Amino acid sequence: MSIAYVLALPIGWNREREARSAGLRTFPIVAIASCGLAILGTSFANPTADANSRILQGLVTGIGFVGGGAILRAKHSVSGTATAASVWNVGILGGAVGFGYWHIAVVLSIVNFLTLQYLTPFKRDIQMGLERERERQGDSMIDD
């Protein structure tokens, strides 16, 4: 469970630094809880693929509920979807560790962190460009 906790920390740190609704506490907790559920489920006598599938189904449902709480809808915008997706990712990461697939958990952690870290500034640049374009279009409509 400590592996799941450590793999979730960089993602939680990123979200905390960006002042998002979930951050440094939420992500490791989701990861260890997911890992704990997977470990607990596989510790029963004669775990089958069907039983493991049901554990994953419950895990995905529960994580979706937690992630849904991170999504905020305002008048003309929706925010928090990257945080919600990251919560979902960290839950799967924890489940992967619990089922013994640490290599998958490492990839999930690295890809999630790098996506948040390096594509967020790129997204901001795109949004600023779109806003400037809208302003120019608004100015040209006034001139007409």
C-alpha atoms as a PDB file:
ATOM      1  CA  MET A   1       0.000   0.000   0.000  1.00  0.00           C
ATOM      2  CA  SER A   2       2.936   2.314   0.569  1.00  0.00           C
ATOM      3  CA  ILE A   3       3.889   1.926  -3.112  1.00  0.00           C
ATOM      4  CA  ALA A   4       0.419   3.126  -4.151  1.00  0.00           C
ATOM      5  CA  TYR A   5       0.714   6.020  -1.705  1.00  0.00           C
ATOM      6  CA  VAL A   6       4.108   7.112  -3.049  1.00  0.00           C
ATOM      7  CA  LEU A   7       3.022   6.809  -6.698  1.00  0.00           C
ATOM      8  CA  ALA A   8       0.013   9.061  -6.023  1.00  0.00           C
ATOM      9  CA  LEU A   9       1.966  11.808  -4.235  1.00  0.00           C
ATOM     10  CA  PRO A  10       3.333  13.613  -7.333  1.00  0.00           C
ATOM     11  CA  ILE A  11      -0.153  13.798  -8.821  1.00  0.00           C
ATOM     12  CA  GLY A  12      -1.622  15.099  -5.570  1.00  0.00           C
ATOM     13  CA  TRP A  13       1.212  17.613  -5.285  1.00  0.00           C
ATOM     14  CA  ASN A  14       0.473  18.901  -8.800  1.00  0.00           C
ATOM     15  CA  ARG A  15      -3.234  19.315  -8.089  1.00  0.00           C
ATOM     16  CA  GLU A  16      -2.515  20.967  -4.734  1.00  0.00           C
ATOM     17  CA  ARG A  17      -0.080  23.398  -6.348  1.00  0.00           C
ATOM     18  CA  GLU A  18      -2.721  24.267  -8.954  1.00  0.00           C
ATOM     19  CA  ALA A  19      -5.210  24.892  -6.094  1.00  0.00           C
ATOM     20  CA  ARG A  20      -7.652  22.265  -7.347  1.00  0.00           C
ATOM     21  CA  SER A  21     -10.522  20.749  -5.377  1.00  0.00           C
ATOM     22  CA  ALA A  22      -8.591  17.540  -4.643  1.00  0.00           C
ATOM     23  CA  GLY A  23      -4.915  17.511  -3.846  1.00  0.00           C
ATOM     24  CA  LEU A  24      -2.125  16.289  -1.642  1.00  0.00           C
ATOM     25  CA  ARG A  25      -4.366  14.452   0.814  1.00  0.00           C
ATOM     26  CA  THR A  26      -7.050  13.098  -1.514  1.00  0.00           C
ATOM     27  CA  PHE A  27      -4.888  11.379  -4.114  1.00  0.00           C
ATOM     28  CA  PRO A  28      -2.787   9.214  -1.779  1.00  0.00           C
ATOM     29  CA  ILE A  29      -5.894   8.280   0.204  1.00  0.00           C
ATOM     30  CA  VAL A  30      -7.710   7.169  -2.961  1.00  0.00           C
ATOM     31  CA  ALA A  31      -4.636   5.182  -4.014  1.00  0.00           C
ATOM     32  CA  ILE A  32      -4.192   3.315  -0.731  1.00  0.00           C
ATOM     33  CA  ALA A  33      -7.919   2.682  -0.339  1.00  0.00           C
ATOM     34  CA  SER A  34      -8.069   1.222  -3.847  1.00  0.00           C
ATOM     35  CA  CYS A  35      -4.983  -0.842  -3.175  1.00  0.00           C
ATOM     36  CA  GLY A  36      -6.421  -2.033   0.133  1.00  0.00           C
ATOM     37  CA  LEU A  37      -9.665  -3.074  -1.532  1.00  0.00           C
ATOM     38  CA  ALA A  38      -7.781  -5.062  -4.176  1.00  0.00           C
ATOM     39  CA  ILE A  39      -5.568  -6.743  -1.560  1.00  0.00           C
ATOM     40  CA  LEU A  40      -8.542  -7.540   0.653  1.00  0.00           C
ATOM     41  CA  GLY A  41     -10.541  -8.929  -2.256  1.00  0.00           C
ATOM     42  CA  THR A  42      -7.726 -11.162  -3.464  1.00  0.00           C
ATOM     43  CA  SER A  43      -7.006 -12.455   0.050  1.00  0.00           C
ATOM     44  CA  PHE A  44     -10.239 -14.422   0.197  1.00  0.00           C
ATOM     45  CA  ALA A  45     -10.009 -18.151  -0.372  1.00  0.00           C
ATOM     46  CA  ASN A  46      -9.847 -19.125  -4.057  1.00  0.00           C
ATOM     47  CA  PRO A  47     -10.068 -15.720  -5.729  1.00  0.00           C
ATOM     48  CA  THR A  48     -11.268 -16.159  -9.292  1.00  0.00           C
ATOM     49  CA  ALA A  49     -11.058 -13.935 -12.344  1.00  0.00           C
ATOM     50  CA  ASP A  50     -14.793 -13.328 -11.954  1.00  0.00           C
ATOM     51  CA  ALA A  51     -14.359 -12.253  -8.328  1.00  0.00           C
ATOM     52  CA  ASN A  52     -11.480  -9.946  -9.257  1.00  0.00           C
ATOM     53  CA  SER A  53     -13.622  -8.486 -12.020  1.00  0.00           C
ATOM     54  CA  ARG A  54     -16.334  -7.630  -9.501  1.00  0.00           C
ATOM     55  CA  ILE A  55     -13.745  -5.968  -7.256  1.00  0.00           C
ATOM     56  CA  LEU A  56     -12.626  -3.814 -10.179  1.00  0.00           C
ATOM     57  CA  GLN A  57     -16.215  -2.964 -11.073  1.00  0.00           C
ATOM     58  CA  GLY A  58     -16.900  -1.752  -7.541  1.00  0.00           C
ATOM     59  CA  LEU A  59     -13.628   0.130  -7.469  1.00  0.00           C
ATOM     60  CA  VAL A  60     -14.353   1.968 -10.706  1.00  0.00           C
ATOM     61  CA  THR A  61     -17.855   2.870  -9.525  1.00  0.00           C
ATOM     62  CA  GLY A  62     -16.629   4.223  -6.204  1.00  0.00           C
ATOM     63  CA  ILE A  63     -13.806   6.203  -7.763  1.00  0.00           C
ATOM     64  CA  GLY A  64     -16.196   7.680 -10.311  1.00  0.00           C
ATOM     65  CA  PHE A  65     -18.335   8.974  -7.458  1.00  0.00           C
ATOM     66  CA  VAL A  66     -15.348  10.631  -5.753  1.00  0.00           C
ATOM     67  CA  GLY A  67     -14.055  12.064  -9.048  1.00  0.00           C
ATOM     68  CA  GLY A  68     -17.486  13.396  -9.939  1.00  0.00           C
ATOM     69  CA  GLY A  69     -17.315  15.579  -6.861  1.00  0.00           C
ATOM     70  CA  ALA A  70     -14.283  17.366  -8.332  1.00  0.00           C
ATOM     71  CA  ILE A  71     -16.186  18.553 -11.419  1.00  0.00           C
ATOM     72  CA  LEU A  72     -17.708  22.006 -11.134  1.00  0.00           C
ATOM     73  CA  ARG A  73     -20.149  23.535 -13.586  1.00  0.00           C
ATOM     74  CA  ALA A  74     -20.419  27.282 -13.890  1.00  0.00           C
ATOM     75  CA  LYS A  75     -22.570  29.389 -16.187  1.00  0.00           C
ATOM     76  CA  HIS A  76     -20.742  28.696 -19.450  1.00  0.00           C
ATOM     77  CA  SER A  77     -17.926  26.413 -18.387  1.00  0.00           C
ATOM     78  CA  VAL A  78     -17.018  23.158 -16.723  1.00  0.00           C
ATOM     79  CA  SER A  79     -13.881  22.756 -14.623  1.00  0.00           C
ATOM     80  CA  GLY A  80     -12.254  19.988 -12.657  1.00  0.00           C
ATOM     81  CA  THR A  81     -12.382  17.336 -15.343  1.00  0.00           C
ATOM     82  CA  ALA A  82      -8.596  16.804 -15.281  1.00  0.00           C
ATOM     83  CA  THR A  83      -8.716  16.456 -11.508  1.00  0.00           C
ATOM     84  CA  ALA A  84     -11.630  14.019 -11.758  1.00  0.00           C
ATOM     85  CA  ALA A  85      -9.801  11.988 -14.403  1.00  0.00           C
ATOM     86  CA  SER A  86      -6.707  12.007 -12.209  1.00  0.00           C
ATOM     87  CA  VAL A  87      -8.709  10.721  -9.229  1.00  0.00           C
ATOM     88  CA  TRP A  88      -9.994   7.912 -11.429  1.00  0.00           C
ATOM     89  CA  ASN A  89      -6.460   7.192 -12.656  1.00  0.00           C
ATOM     90  CA  VAL A  90      -5.065   7.090  -9.114  1.00  0.00           C
ATOM     91  CA  GLY A  91      -7.804   4.696  -8.052  1.00  0.00           C
ATOM     92  CA  ILE A  92      -6.862   2.359 -10.881  1.00  0.00           C
ATOM     93  CA  LEU A  93      -3.205   2.850  -9.962  1.00  0.00           C
ATOM     94  CA  GLY A  94      -3.943   1.702  -6.418  1.00  0.00           C
ATOM     95  CA  GLY A  95      -5.919  -1.260  -7.701  1.00  0.00           C
ATOM     96  CA  ALA A  96      -3.063  -2.231 -10.007  1.00  0.00           C
ATOM     97  CA  VAL A  97      -0.623  -2.237  -7.076  1.00  0.00           C
ATOM     98  CA  GLY A  98      -3.084  -4.256  -4.991  1.00  0.00           C
ATOM     99  CA  PHE A  99      -3.423  -6.861  -7.723  1.00  0.00           C
ATOM    100  CA  GLY A 100       0.384  -7.014  -8.094  1.00  0.00           C
ATOM    101  CA  TYR A 101       0.730  -5.077 -11.362  1.00  0.00           C
ATOM    102  CA  TRP A 102       3.195  -2.466 -10.115  1.00  0.00           C
ATOM    103  CA  HIS A 103       4.599  -1.827 -13.587  1.00  0.00           C
ATOM    104  CA  ILE A 104       1.150  -0.666 -14.735  1.00  0.00           C
ATOM    105  CA  ALA A 105       0.817   1.550 -11.663  1.00  0.00           C
ATOM    106  CA  VAL A 106       4.197   3.178 -12.345  1.00  0.00           C
ATOM    107  CA  VAL A 107       3.209   3.961 -15.939  1.00  0.00           C
ATOM    108  CA  LEU A 108      -0.155   5.374 -14.818  1.00  0.00           C
ATOM    109  CA  SER A 109       1.560   7.598 -12.265  1.00  0.00           C
ATOM    110  CA  ILE A 110       4.229   8.893 -14.643  1.00  0.00           C
ATOM    111  CA  VAL A 111       1.859   9.552 -17.532  1.00  0.00           C
ATOM    112  CA  ASN A 112      -0.713  11.277 -15.303  1.00  0.00           C
ATOM    113  CA  PHE A 113       1.895  13.491 -13.656  1.00  0.00           C
ATOM    114  CA  LEU A 114       3.625  14.432 -16.907  1.00  0.00           C
ATOM    115  CA  THR A 115       0.306  15.197 -18.588  1.00  0.00           C
ATOM    116  CA  LEU A 116      -0.740  17.540 -15.783  1.00  0.00           C
ATOM    117  CA  GLN A 117       2.710  19.076 -15.464  1.00  0.00           C
ATOM    118  CA  TYR A 118       3.489  19.765 -19.110  1.00  0.00           C
ATOM    119  CA  LEU A 119       0.175  19.999 -20.936  1.00  0.00           C
ATOM    120  CA  THR A 120      -1.429  22.450 -18.492  1.00  0.00           C
ATOM    121  CA  PRO A 121       0.765  25.377 -19.643  1.00  0.00           C
ATOM    122  CA  PHE A 122       0.157  24.360 -23.258  1.00  0.00           C
ATOM    123  CA  LYS A 123      -3.612  24.371 -22.637  1.00  0.00           C
ATOM    124  CA  ARG A 124      -3.401  27.824 -21.046  1.00  0.00           C
ATOM    125  CA  ASP A 125      -1.558  29.137 -24.117  1.00  0.00           C
ATOM    126  CA  ILE A 126      -4.269  27.753 -26.398  1.00  0.00           C
ATOM    127  CA  GLN A 127      -7.030  29.279 -24.255  1.00  0.00           C
ATOM    128  CA  MET A 128      -5.302  32.680 -24.238  1.00  0.00           C
ATOM    129  CA  GLY A 129      -4.994  32.532 -28.028  1.00  0.00           C
ATOM    130  CA  LEU A 130      -8.685  31.725 -28.367  1.00  0.00           C
ATOM    131  CA  GLU A 131      -9.632  34.588 -26.055  1.00  0.00           C
ATOM    132  CA  ARG A 132      -7.509  37.025 -28.090  1.00  0.00           C
ATOM    133  CA  GLU A 133      -9.173  35.778 -31.275  1.00  0.00           C
ATOM    134  CA  ARG A 134     -12.640  36.319 -29.776  1.00  0.00           C
ATOM    135  CA  GLU A 135     -11.669  39.828 -28.710  1.00  0.00           C
ATOM    136  CA  ARG A 136     -10.408  40.623 -32.222  1.00  0.00           C
ATOM    137  CA  GLN A 137     -13.610  39.289 -33.749  1.00  0.00           C
ATOM    138  CA  GLY A 138     -15.654  41.364 -31.310  1.00  0.00           C
ATOM    139  CA  ASP A 139     -13.647  44.489 -32.199  1.00  0.00           C
ATOM    140  CA  SER A 140     -14.082  43.918 -35.926  1.00  0.00           C
ATOM    141  CA  MET A 141     -17.862  43.515 -35.480  1.00  0.00           C
ATOM    142  CA  ILE A 142     -17.978  46.877 -33.694  1.00  0.00           C
ATOM    143  CA  ASP A 143     -16.028  48.547 -36.505  1.00  0.00           C
ATOM    144  CA  ASP A 144     -18.466  47.265 -39.160  1.00  0.00           C
END
